[in-house]
Amino acid sequence: MRHILLGGLSVFAGCFVLSTAVLAGGHNAADYPLRVHIFQYNGHSHYAYHSLDMVDGEGRANLYENGEPRGFDFSYHCMDRLRTSAGFETYMARWKKPGKEIEILLPVFGKPGAMEGCSLLVDMKDNMAYARHNGLLGEEPSAKFKEWMIKHDYDPEHGKNEPVSTAPASAGTGAAGTGAPSSGAGAPQQNAPQ
């Protein structure tokens, strides 16, 4: 009888430890050193029994790895809806399969601090990054985007999530004088030099 009781308690303790790890989200920010800025995407929601089951689609984004910007196209399959990056915000990311698959962390609405992983199958651009100019998304050389990042002290991998002003704000500039044109509607999108 004692063995049965001890065995039952051991199983209960093991389940408690595992459930605590699951409830905590199981994602360590240190394991996600890369940053991804999502410019655009489309998605199709799939429902089961009147509840969201999963979402899939495709889009365009920039990856920041080792201080270098690089554009990529992607397809995704997530348990929740994807969202574009507002302003200059980025998602924490890591390679699952280098050059082929990236996992980003999405915040879970209604659960402060909770994150959920989403896998992106990627098609990386060679020496190109995406940038918005006058509200239109286009490609430009990664080196040109990197020059803009240096000039404005923008490095999302190291906590520098907003570009720094280099000149007083004037008409026609967005993001408080960063030289990055605004998208024309509300908060500026991630813009690069013109």
N, C-alpha and C. Protein backbone atom coordinates (compact mmCIF):
# COMPACT_ATOMS: atom_id res chain seq x y z
N MET A 1 0.82 -1.19 0.00
CA MET A 1 0.00 0.00 0.00
C MET A 1 0.87 1.26 0.00
N ARG A 2 1.96 1.20 0.78
CA ARG A 2 2.85 2.35 0.85
C ARG A 2 3.46 2.65 -0.52
N HIS A 3 3.82 1.59 -1.28
CA HIS A 3 4.40 1.79 -2.61
C HIS A 3 3.39 2.43 -3.56
N ILE A 4 2.15 2.04 -3.44
CA ILE A 4 1.11 2.61 -4.30
C ILE A 4 0.93 4.09 -3.97
N LEU A 5 0.91 4.42 -2.68
CA LEU A 5 0.76 5.82 -2.26
C LEU A 5 1.94 6.66 -2.72
N LEU A 6 3.16 6.14 -2.52
CA LEU A 6 4.35 6.88 -2.96
C LEU A 6 4.37 7.01 -4.49
N GLY A 7 3.99 5.98 -5.19
CA GLY A 7 3.94 6.04 -6.66
C GLY A 7 2.92 7.07 -7.13
N GLY A 8 1.77 7.09 -6.49
CA GLY A 8 0.73 8.07 -6.84
C GLY A 8 1.18 9.49 -6.58
N LEU A 9 1.85 9.71 -5.43
CA LEU A 9 2.36 11.04 -5.11
C LEU A 9 3.45 11.47 -6.09
N SER A 10 4.28 10.52 -6.51
CA SER A 10 5.33 10.83 -7.48
C SER A 10 4.74 11.25 -8.82
N VAL A 11 3.72 10.54 -9.25
CA VAL A 11 3.05 10.89 -10.51
C VAL A 11 2.41 12.27 -10.39
N PHE A 12 1.75 12.53 -9.26
CA PHE A 12 1.11 13.83 -9.04
C PHE A 12 2.16 14.94 -9.05
N ALA A 13 3.28 14.75 -8.38
CA ALA A 13 4.34 15.76 -8.34
C ALA A 13 4.91 16.00 -9.73
N GLY A 14 5.11 14.94 -10.49
CA GLY A 14 5.63 15.08 -11.85
C GLY A 14 4.66 15.85 -12.74
N CYS A 15 3.38 15.56 -12.64
CA CYS A 15 2.38 16.30 -13.42
C CYS A 15 2.35 17.76 -13.02
N PHE A 16 2.50 18.04 -11.72
CA PHE A 16 2.49 19.43 -11.25
C PHE A 16 3.67 20.20 -11.83
N VAL A 17 4.84 19.59 -11.83
CA VAL A 17 6.04 20.25 -12.37
C VAL A 17 5.87 20.51 -13.86
N LEU A 18 5.39 19.53 -14.60
CA LEU A 18 5.19 19.71 -16.05
C LEU A 18 4.13 20.75 -16.35
N SER A 19 3.04 20.77 -15.59
CA SER A 19 1.99 21.75 -15.86
C SER A 19 2.47 23.16 -15.54
N THR A 20 3.31 23.32 -14.54
CA THR A 20 3.85 24.64 -14.21
C THR A 20 4.72 25.15 -15.36
N ALA A 21 5.51 24.27 -15.95
CA ALA A 21 6.35 24.67 -17.08
C ALA A 21 5.49 25.06 -18.28
N VAL A 22 4.41 24.32 -18.52
CA VAL A 22 3.53 24.64 -19.63
C VAL A 22 2.84 25.98 -19.39
N LEU A 23 2.32 26.20 -18.17
CA LEU A 23 1.64 27.45 -17.86
C LEU A 23 2.59 28.64 -17.93
N ALA A 24 3.85 28.43 -17.64
CA ALA A 24 4.82 29.52 -17.68
C ALA A 24 5.16 29.90 -19.12
N GLY A 25 4.72 29.13 -20.07
CA GLY A 25 4.95 29.47 -21.47
C GLY A 25 6.12 28.70 -22.06
N GLY A 26 7.06 28.30 -21.26
CA GLY A 26 8.17 27.51 -21.73
C GLY A 26 9.10 28.20 -22.70
N HIS A 27 9.04 29.53 -22.82
CA HIS A 27 9.90 30.26 -23.74
C HIS A 27 10.86 31.14 -22.97
N ASN A 28 12.13 30.94 -23.19
CA ASN A 28 13.17 31.74 -22.55
C ASN A 28 13.64 32.79 -23.57
N ALA A 29 13.52 34.07 -23.22
CA ALA A 29 13.88 35.15 -24.15
C ALA A 29 15.32 35.02 -24.64
N ALA A 30 16.20 34.48 -23.82
CA ALA A 30 17.60 34.33 -24.22
C ALA A 30 17.76 33.34 -25.38
N ASP A 31 16.77 32.47 -25.57
CA ASP A 31 16.81 31.51 -26.67
C ASP A 31 16.34 32.10 -27.99
N TYR A 32 15.90 33.37 -27.97
CA TYR A 32 15.38 34.05 -29.15
C TYR A 32 16.16 35.33 -29.39
N PRO A 33 17.42 35.21 -29.86
CA PRO A 33 18.29 36.39 -30.00
C PRO A 33 18.01 37.25 -31.24
N LEU A 34 17.30 36.72 -32.20
CA LEU A 34 17.05 37.44 -33.45
C LEU A 34 15.79 38.28 -33.32
N ARG A 35 15.62 39.21 -34.26
CA ARG A 35 14.41 40.04 -34.28
C ARG A 35 13.83 40.03 -35.68
N VAL A 36 12.49 40.02 -35.76
CA VAL A 36 11.78 40.02 -37.03
C VAL A 36 10.77 41.15 -37.03
N HIS A 37 10.78 41.94 -38.10
CA HIS A 37 9.79 43.00 -38.31
C HIS A 37 8.88 42.55 -39.46
N ILE A 38 7.59 42.35 -39.19
CA ILE A 38 6.64 41.91 -40.20
C ILE A 38 5.99 43.13 -40.83
N PHE A 39 6.18 43.28 -42.14
CA PHE A 39 5.61 44.41 -42.87
C PHE A 39 4.19 44.12 -43.33
N GLN A 40 3.98 42.95 -43.90
CA GLN A 40 2.65 42.61 -44.41
C GLN A 40 2.49 41.10 -44.42
N TYR A 41 1.22 40.69 -44.38
CA TYR A 41 0.90 39.27 -44.44
C TYR A 41 -0.56 39.13 -44.86
N ASN A 42 -0.93 37.95 -45.28
CA ASN A 42 -2.33 37.60 -45.44
C ASN A 42 -2.53 36.31 -44.69
N GLY A 43 -3.73 36.04 -44.31
CA GLY A 43 -3.96 34.84 -43.53
C GLY A 43 -5.35 34.28 -43.74
N HIS A 44 -5.47 33.00 -43.49
CA HIS A 44 -6.75 32.31 -43.58
C HIS A 44 -6.96 31.58 -42.26
N SER A 45 -8.04 31.92 -41.58
CA SER A 45 -8.34 31.31 -40.27
C SER A 45 -9.13 30.01 -40.47
N HIS A 46 -8.74 28.99 -39.74
CA HIS A 46 -9.42 27.69 -39.78
C HIS A 46 -10.07 27.46 -38.42
N TYR A 47 -11.33 27.08 -38.44
CA TYR A 47 -12.09 26.88 -37.20
C TYR A 47 -12.49 25.43 -37.03
N ALA A 48 -12.55 25.01 -35.77
CA ALA A 48 -13.06 23.69 -35.43
C ALA A 48 -14.00 23.87 -34.24
N TYR A 49 -15.20 23.40 -34.38
CA TYR A 49 -16.20 23.50 -33.31
C TYR A 49 -16.38 24.94 -32.85
N HIS A 50 -16.48 25.87 -33.81
CA HIS A 50 -16.73 27.29 -33.56
C HIS A 50 -15.61 28.00 -32.81
N SER A 51 -14.42 27.42 -32.77
CA SER A 51 -13.25 28.04 -32.14
C SER A 51 -12.10 28.08 -33.14
N LEU A 52 -11.28 29.11 -33.03
CA LEU A 52 -10.12 29.22 -33.90
C LEU A 52 -9.19 28.04 -33.66
N ASP A 53 -8.88 27.32 -34.72
CA ASP A 53 -8.02 26.14 -34.62
C ASP A 53 -6.59 26.48 -35.03
N MET A 54 -6.45 27.17 -36.18
CA MET A 54 -5.13 27.57 -36.64
C MET A 54 -5.29 28.58 -37.77
N VAL A 55 -4.18 29.27 -38.07
CA VAL A 55 -4.17 30.29 -39.13
C VAL A 55 -2.94 30.02 -40.00
N ASP A 56 -3.13 30.15 -41.32
CA ASP A 56 -1.97 30.03 -42.20
C ASP A 56 -2.03 31.13 -43.25
N GLY A 57 -0.89 31.39 -43.87
CA GLY A 57 -0.82 32.45 -44.86
C GLY A 57 0.61 32.69 -45.29
N GLU A 58 0.84 33.92 -45.80
CA GLU A 58 2.18 34.28 -46.27
C GLU A 58 2.40 35.77 -46.06
N GLY A 59 3.65 36.21 -46.16
CA GLY A 59 3.93 37.62 -45.95
C GLY A 59 5.36 38.00 -46.26
N ARG A 60 5.71 39.25 -45.83
CA ARG A 60 7.06 39.80 -46.04
C ARG A 60 7.55 40.42 -44.76
N ALA A 61 8.87 40.26 -44.51
CA ALA A 61 9.43 40.75 -43.26
C ALA A 61 10.93 40.98 -43.41
N ASN A 62 11.52 41.60 -42.38
CA ASN A 62 12.98 41.74 -42.26
C ASN A 62 13.44 40.95 -41.06
N LEU A 63 14.60 40.33 -41.20
CA LEU A 63 15.26 39.63 -40.11
C LEU A 63 16.47 40.47 -39.70
N TYR A 64 16.67 40.63 -38.39
CA TYR A 64 17.87 41.29 -37.86
C TYR A 64 18.69 40.22 -37.16
N GLU A 65 19.84 39.92 -37.76
CA GLU A 65 20.73 38.89 -37.24
C GLU A 65 22.16 39.40 -37.30
N ASN A 66 22.85 39.37 -36.16
CA ASN A 66 24.23 39.86 -36.07
C ASN A 66 24.35 41.29 -36.56
N GLY A 67 23.35 42.11 -36.26
CA GLY A 67 23.37 43.52 -36.63
C GLY A 67 23.07 43.81 -38.08
N GLU A 68 22.72 42.79 -38.85
CA GLU A 68 22.48 42.96 -40.28
C GLU A 68 20.99 42.78 -40.60
N PRO A 69 20.42 43.70 -41.40
CA PRO A 69 19.04 43.54 -41.85
C PRO A 69 18.99 42.69 -43.12
N ARG A 70 17.97 41.86 -43.21
CA ARG A 70 17.82 41.03 -44.40
C ARG A 70 16.34 40.73 -44.62
N GLY A 71 15.86 40.99 -45.80
CA GLY A 71 14.46 40.75 -46.12
C GLY A 71 14.18 39.29 -46.42
N PHE A 72 12.94 38.89 -46.20
CA PHE A 72 12.52 37.54 -46.56
C PHE A 72 11.01 37.49 -46.79
N ASP A 73 10.62 36.57 -47.64
CA ASP A 73 9.22 36.23 -47.83
C ASP A 73 8.97 34.98 -47.00
N PHE A 74 7.74 34.80 -46.54
CA PHE A 74 7.47 33.64 -45.69
C PHE A 74 6.05 33.11 -45.87
N SER A 75 5.91 31.86 -45.49
CA SER A 75 4.59 31.26 -45.30
C SER A 75 4.56 30.83 -43.84
N TYR A 76 3.37 30.75 -43.27
CA TYR A 76 3.29 30.41 -41.85
C TYR A 76 2.08 29.55 -41.56
N HIS A 77 2.15 28.92 -40.41
CA HIS A 77 1.10 28.05 -39.88
C HIS A 77 1.16 28.25 -38.37
N CYS A 78 0.20 28.99 -37.81
CA CYS A 78 0.24 29.35 -36.38
C CYS A 78 -1.07 28.96 -35.69
N MET A 79 -1.02 28.92 -34.39
CA MET A 79 -2.21 28.62 -33.61
C MET A 79 -3.05 29.88 -33.37
N ASP A 80 -2.49 31.05 -33.63
CA ASP A 80 -3.20 32.31 -33.43
C ASP A 80 -2.92 33.22 -34.63
N ARG A 81 -3.65 34.31 -34.71
CA ARG A 81 -3.48 35.24 -35.83
C ARG A 81 -2.14 35.97 -35.73
N LEU A 82 -1.52 36.15 -36.86
CA LEU A 82 -0.29 36.92 -36.97
C LEU A 82 -0.66 38.40 -37.01
N ARG A 83 0.25 39.27 -36.59
CA ARG A 83 0.01 40.71 -36.63
C ARG A 83 1.24 41.40 -37.23
N THR A 84 0.99 42.47 -37.99
CA THR A 84 2.13 43.22 -38.51
C THR A 84 2.80 43.96 -37.35
N SER A 85 4.05 44.31 -37.54
CA SER A 85 4.80 45.06 -36.54
C SER A 85 4.42 46.53 -36.65
N ALA A 86 4.00 47.11 -35.55
CA ALA A 86 3.65 48.53 -35.53
C ALA A 86 4.92 49.36 -35.38
N GLY A 87 5.00 50.46 -36.12
CA GLY A 87 6.17 51.33 -36.02
C GLY A 87 7.45 50.55 -36.27
N PHE A 88 8.33 50.55 -35.29
CA PHE A 88 9.63 49.88 -35.42
C PHE A 88 9.71 48.62 -34.56
N GLU A 89 8.57 48.18 -34.00
CA GLU A 89 8.60 47.03 -33.11
C GLU A 89 8.99 45.76 -33.87
N THR A 90 9.57 44.83 -33.14
CA THR A 90 9.98 43.56 -33.73
C THR A 90 9.55 42.42 -32.81
N TYR A 91 9.52 41.24 -33.38
CA TYR A 91 9.22 40.03 -32.61
C TYR A 91 10.52 39.31 -32.31
N MET A 92 10.61 38.70 -31.12
CA MET A 92 11.75 37.85 -30.79
C MET A 92 11.69 36.62 -31.69
N ALA A 93 12.88 36.17 -32.13
CA ALA A 93 12.90 35.05 -33.08
C ALA A 93 14.16 34.21 -32.90
N ARG A 94 14.12 33.02 -33.48
CA ARG A 94 15.29 32.13 -33.52
C ARG A 94 15.14 31.24 -34.75
N TRP A 95 16.28 30.74 -35.20
CA TRP A 95 16.27 29.79 -36.30
C TRP A 95 15.86 28.43 -35.77
N LYS A 96 14.93 27.77 -36.44
CA LYS A 96 14.63 26.37 -36.16
C LYS A 96 15.44 25.51 -37.12
N LYS A 97 15.48 25.95 -38.39
CA LYS A 97 16.31 25.32 -39.42
C LYS A 97 16.97 26.47 -40.16
N PRO A 98 18.26 26.73 -39.89
CA PRO A 98 18.93 27.89 -40.49
C PRO A 98 18.71 28.02 -41.99
N GLY A 99 18.28 29.23 -42.38
CA GLY A 99 18.03 29.52 -43.78
C GLY A 99 16.70 29.03 -44.31
N LYS A 100 15.95 28.26 -43.49
CA LYS A 100 14.69 27.67 -43.97
C LYS A 100 13.48 27.96 -43.08
N GLU A 101 13.67 27.94 -41.76
CA GLU A 101 12.53 28.09 -40.85
C GLU A 101 12.91 28.91 -39.61
N ILE A 102 12.09 29.93 -39.34
CA ILE A 102 12.28 30.80 -38.18
C ILE A 102 11.07 30.65 -37.27
N GLU A 103 11.31 30.63 -35.98
CA GLU A 103 10.21 30.66 -35.01
C GLU A 103 10.19 32.03 -34.36
N ILE A 104 9.02 32.69 -34.37
CA ILE A 104 8.86 33.97 -33.68
C ILE A 104 7.95 33.76 -32.48
N LEU A 105 8.06 34.66 -31.51
CA LEU A 105 7.18 34.61 -30.35
C LEU A 105 6.12 35.68 -30.48
N LEU A 106 4.86 35.27 -30.40
CA LEU A 106 3.73 36.19 -30.44
C LEU A 106 3.15 36.35 -29.05
N PRO A 107 2.80 37.58 -28.64
CA PRO A 107 2.16 37.75 -27.34
C PRO A 107 0.76 37.12 -27.34
N VAL A 108 0.36 36.58 -26.21
CA VAL A 108 -0.97 36.00 -26.06
C VAL A 108 -1.87 37.05 -25.42
N PHE A 109 -2.90 37.48 -26.14
CA PHE A 109 -3.80 38.51 -25.62
C PHE A 109 -4.51 38.01 -24.38
N GLY A 110 -4.61 38.88 -23.38
CA GLY A 110 -5.29 38.55 -22.14
C GLY A 110 -4.42 37.82 -21.13
N LYS A 111 -3.16 37.54 -21.50
CA LYS A 111 -2.24 36.84 -20.62
C LYS A 111 -0.91 37.60 -20.62
N PRO A 112 -0.79 38.65 -19.80
CA PRO A 112 0.44 39.45 -19.79
C PRO A 112 1.69 38.59 -19.60
N GLY A 113 2.67 38.82 -20.46
CA GLY A 113 3.94 38.09 -20.37
C GLY A 113 3.94 36.74 -21.04
N ALA A 114 2.75 36.24 -21.43
CA ALA A 114 2.68 34.93 -22.08
C ALA A 114 3.01 35.07 -23.57
N MET A 115 3.74 34.10 -24.09
CA MET A 115 4.13 34.09 -25.51
C MET A 115 3.81 32.73 -26.11
N GLU A 116 3.55 32.75 -27.42
CA GLU A 116 3.29 31.53 -28.15
C GLU A 116 4.16 31.52 -29.40
N GLY A 117 4.76 30.40 -29.71
CA GLY A 117 5.62 30.29 -30.87
C GLY A 117 4.84 30.15 -32.16
N CYS A 118 5.40 30.67 -33.24
CA CYS A 118 4.82 30.57 -34.58
C CYS A 118 5.96 30.35 -35.56
N SER A 119 5.84 29.33 -36.39
CA SER A 119 6.90 29.01 -37.35
C SER A 119 6.66 29.66 -38.69
N LEU A 120 7.73 30.25 -39.23
CA LEU A 120 7.70 30.87 -40.55
C LEU A 120 8.66 30.10 -41.46
N LEU A 121 8.16 29.59 -42.58
CA LEU A 121 9.03 28.99 -43.59
C LEU A 121 9.49 30.14 -44.47
N VAL A 122 10.81 30.34 -44.58
CA VAL A 122 11.34 31.56 -45.17
C VAL A 122 12.03 31.34 -46.51
N ASP A 123 11.99 32.40 -47.32
CA ASP A 123 12.74 32.49 -48.57
C ASP A 123 13.54 33.79 -48.43
N MET A 124 14.81 33.67 -48.02
CA MET A 124 15.64 34.83 -47.71
C MET A 124 16.06 35.56 -48.99
N LYS A 125 16.07 36.90 -48.90
CA LYS A 125 16.53 37.74 -50.00
C LYS A 125 18.06 37.85 -49.94
N ASP A 126 18.71 37.89 -51.08
CA ASP A 126 20.16 38.05 -51.12
C ASP A 126 20.50 39.54 -51.07
N ASN A 127 21.12 39.96 -49.96
CA ASN A 127 21.61 41.33 -49.79
C ASN A 127 20.55 42.39 -49.99
N MET A 128 19.30 42.08 -49.69
CA MET A 128 18.21 43.03 -49.80
C MET A 128 17.42 43.06 -48.49
N ALA A 129 16.81 44.22 -48.22
CA ALA A 129 15.93 44.37 -47.07
C ALA A 129 14.67 45.09 -47.54
N TYR A 130 13.58 44.88 -46.86
CA TYR A 130 12.35 45.60 -47.16
C TYR A 130 12.36 46.94 -46.44
N ALA A 131 11.76 47.94 -47.08
CA ALA A 131 11.64 49.27 -46.47
C ALA A 131 10.41 49.95 -47.05
N ARG A 132 9.81 50.81 -46.25
CA ARG A 132 8.67 51.60 -46.73
C ARG A 132 9.16 52.99 -47.11
N HIS A 133 8.74 53.45 -48.26
CA HIS A 133 9.02 54.81 -48.72
C HIS A 133 7.69 55.42 -49.14
N ASN A 134 7.32 56.50 -48.49
CA ASN A 134 6.05 57.17 -48.78
C ASN A 134 4.88 56.19 -48.70
N GLY A 135 4.94 55.27 -47.75
CA GLY A 135 3.86 54.32 -47.53
C GLY A 135 3.89 53.08 -48.38
N LEU A 136 4.79 53.01 -49.35
CA LEU A 136 4.87 51.85 -50.25
C LEU A 136 6.01 50.94 -49.84
N LEU A 137 5.74 49.65 -49.82
CA LEU A 137 6.77 48.68 -49.47
C LEU A 137 7.61 48.35 -50.69
N GLY A 138 8.93 48.39 -50.50
CA GLY A 138 9.85 48.07 -51.58
C GLY A 138 11.10 47.41 -51.02
N GLU A 139 12.00 47.05 -51.91
CA GLU A 139 13.28 46.46 -51.51
C GLU A 139 14.38 47.48 -51.73
N GLU A 140 15.43 47.37 -50.91
CA GLU A 140 16.63 48.18 -51.10
C GLU A 140 17.82 47.37 -50.61
N PRO A 141 19.02 47.72 -51.02
CA PRO A 141 20.20 46.96 -50.58
C PRO A 141 20.32 46.96 -49.05
N SER A 142 20.65 45.80 -48.52
CA SER A 142 20.83 45.67 -47.07
C SER A 142 21.86 46.66 -46.55
N ALA A 143 22.90 46.93 -47.33
CA ALA A 143 23.95 47.85 -46.91
C ALA A 143 23.39 49.26 -46.70
N LYS A 144 22.48 49.69 -47.56
CA LYS A 144 21.87 51.01 -47.42
C LYS A 144 21.00 51.06 -46.16
N PHE A 145 20.24 50.00 -45.92
CA PHE A 145 19.42 49.94 -44.71
C PHE A 145 20.31 49.93 -43.46
N LYS A 146 21.42 49.20 -43.52
CA LYS A 146 22.37 49.14 -42.41
C LYS A 146 22.95 50.52 -42.12
N GLU A 147 23.28 51.30 -43.15
CA GLU A 147 23.78 52.68 -42.96
C GLU A 147 22.75 53.50 -42.20
N TRP A 148 21.48 53.36 -42.57
CA TRP A 148 20.42 54.08 -41.87
C TRP A 148 20.35 53.64 -40.40
N MET A 149 20.48 52.32 -40.16
CA MET A 149 20.44 51.80 -38.78
C MET A 149 21.56 52.41 -37.94
N ILE A 150 22.77 52.49 -38.51
CA ILE A 150 23.92 53.05 -37.79
C ILE A 150 23.70 54.54 -37.52
N LYS A 151 23.28 55.27 -38.54
CA LYS A 151 23.06 56.71 -38.42
C LYS A 151 22.04 57.03 -37.33
N HIS A 152 21.02 56.18 -37.18
CA HIS A 152 19.94 56.44 -36.23
C HIS A 152 20.00 55.55 -35.00
N ASP A 153 21.13 54.89 -34.79
CA ASP A 153 21.35 54.06 -33.61
C ASP A 153 20.18 53.09 -33.38
N TYR A 154 19.77 52.44 -34.44
CA TYR A 154 18.67 51.48 -34.39
C TYR A 154 19.23 50.07 -34.47
N ASP A 155 19.05 49.30 -33.40
CA ASP A 155 19.57 47.93 -33.34
C ASP A 155 18.64 47.11 -32.45
N PRO A 156 17.55 46.57 -33.02
CA PRO A 156 16.56 45.87 -32.19
C PRO A 156 17.10 44.63 -31.49
N GLU A 157 18.17 44.05 -31.98
CA GLU A 157 18.75 42.88 -31.31
C GLU A 157 19.34 43.25 -29.95
N HIS A 158 19.70 44.52 -29.78
CA HIS A 158 20.35 44.96 -28.54
C HIS A 158 19.52 46.01 -27.79
N GLY A 159 18.20 45.93 -27.95
CA GLY A 159 17.31 46.79 -27.18
C GLY A 159 17.16 48.22 -27.69
N LYS A 160 17.76 48.53 -28.81
CA LYS A 160 17.62 49.88 -29.39
C LYS A 160 16.47 49.81 -30.39
N ASN A 161 15.25 49.88 -29.85
CA ASN A 161 14.05 49.59 -30.62
C ASN A 161 13.43 50.78 -31.31
N GLU A 162 13.93 51.96 -31.06
CA GLU A 162 13.43 53.17 -31.72
C GLU A 162 14.61 53.91 -32.31
N PRO A 163 14.48 54.39 -33.55
CA PRO A 163 15.58 55.17 -34.13
C PRO A 163 15.75 56.48 -33.38
N VAL A 164 16.99 56.95 -33.31
CA VAL A 164 17.32 58.19 -32.61
C VAL A 164 17.33 59.33 -33.62
N SER A 165 16.77 60.45 -33.21
CA SER A 165 16.71 61.62 -34.06
C SER A 165 18.12 62.16 -34.32
N THR A 166 18.37 62.52 -35.59
CA THR A 166 19.67 63.12 -35.93
C THR A 166 19.51 64.58 -36.33
N ALA A 167 18.28 65.02 -36.52
CA ALA A 167 18.01 66.41 -36.90
C ALA A 167 16.65 66.80 -36.34
N PRO A 168 16.40 68.09 -36.17
CA PRO A 168 15.09 68.50 -35.69
C PRO A 168 13.99 68.04 -36.64
N ALA A 169 12.84 67.72 -36.06
CA ALA A 169 11.71 67.29 -36.88
C ALA A 169 11.26 68.42 -37.77
N SER A 170 10.94 68.09 -39.00
CA SER A 170 10.44 69.08 -39.95
C SER A 170 9.32 68.45 -40.76
N ALA A 171 8.64 69.26 -41.51
CA ALA A 171 7.55 68.75 -42.33
C ALA A 171 8.09 67.68 -43.28
N GLY A 172 7.35 66.61 -43.42
CA GLY A 172 7.74 65.56 -44.36
C GLY A 172 8.62 64.49 -43.74
N THR A 173 8.96 64.62 -42.47
CA THR A 173 9.73 63.55 -41.84
C THR A 173 8.87 62.88 -40.81
N GLY A 174 9.11 61.62 -40.61
CA GLY A 174 8.37 60.86 -39.62
C GLY A 174 9.29 60.44 -38.51
N ALA A 175 8.74 59.75 -37.54
CA ALA A 175 9.49 59.19 -36.41
C ALA A 175 10.41 60.23 -35.79
N ALA A 176 9.86 61.39 -35.49
CA ALA A 176 10.56 62.44 -34.75
C ALA A 176 11.91 62.79 -35.34
N GLY A 177 11.94 63.09 -36.63
CA GLY A 177 13.16 63.58 -37.25
C GLY A 177 14.17 62.51 -37.60
N THR A 178 13.74 61.27 -37.72
CA THR A 178 14.70 60.21 -38.05
C THR A 178 15.08 60.24 -39.50
N GLY A 179 14.39 61.09 -40.29
CA GLY A 179 14.64 61.07 -41.72
C GLY A 179 13.82 60.00 -42.41
N ALA A 180 13.11 59.22 -41.61
CA ALA A 180 12.27 58.17 -42.15
C ALA A 180 10.91 58.75 -42.44
N PRO A 181 10.46 58.71 -43.69
CA PRO A 181 9.16 59.28 -44.02
C PRO A 181 8.04 58.51 -43.35
N SER A 182 7.02 59.21 -42.95
CA SER A 182 5.90 58.51 -42.33
C SER A 182 5.07 57.84 -43.40
N SER A 183 4.28 56.86 -42.98
CA SER A 183 3.47 56.12 -43.94
C SER A 183 2.23 56.90 -44.33
N GLY A 184 2.01 58.05 -43.70
CA GLY A 184 0.87 58.87 -44.06
C GLY A 184 -0.35 58.60 -43.21
N ALA A 185 -0.35 57.56 -42.40
CA ALA A 185 -1.50 57.25 -41.56
C ALA A 185 -1.04 56.80 -40.19
N GLY A 186 -1.13 57.67 -39.21
CA GLY A 186 -0.81 57.29 -37.84
C GLY A 186 0.67 57.08 -37.62
N ALA A 187 1.00 56.03 -36.84
CA ALA A 187 2.38 55.74 -36.48
C ALA A 187 3.19 55.37 -37.72
N PRO A 188 4.46 55.81 -37.77
CA PRO A 188 5.27 55.48 -38.94
C PRO A 188 5.57 53.99 -38.98
N GLN A 189 5.67 53.47 -40.18
CA GLN A 189 6.09 52.10 -40.37
C GLN A 189 7.61 52.10 -40.40
N GLN A 190 8.19 50.92 -40.42
CA GLN A 190 9.64 50.83 -40.42
C GLN A 190 10.14 51.33 -41.76
N ASN A 191 10.64 52.53 -41.76
CA ASN A 191 11.12 53.16 -42.97
C ASN A 191 12.64 53.17 -42.99
N ALA A 192 13.18 53.30 -44.15
CA ALA A 192 14.62 53.38 -44.30
C ALA A 192 14.93 54.68 -45.02
N PRO A 193 16.18 54.99 -45.21
CA PRO A 193 16.54 56.25 -45.85
C PRO A 193 16.01 56.34 -47.27
N GLN A 194 15.82 57.58 -47.70
CA GLN A 194 15.35 57.79 -49.07
C GLN A 194 16.51 58.05 -49.99
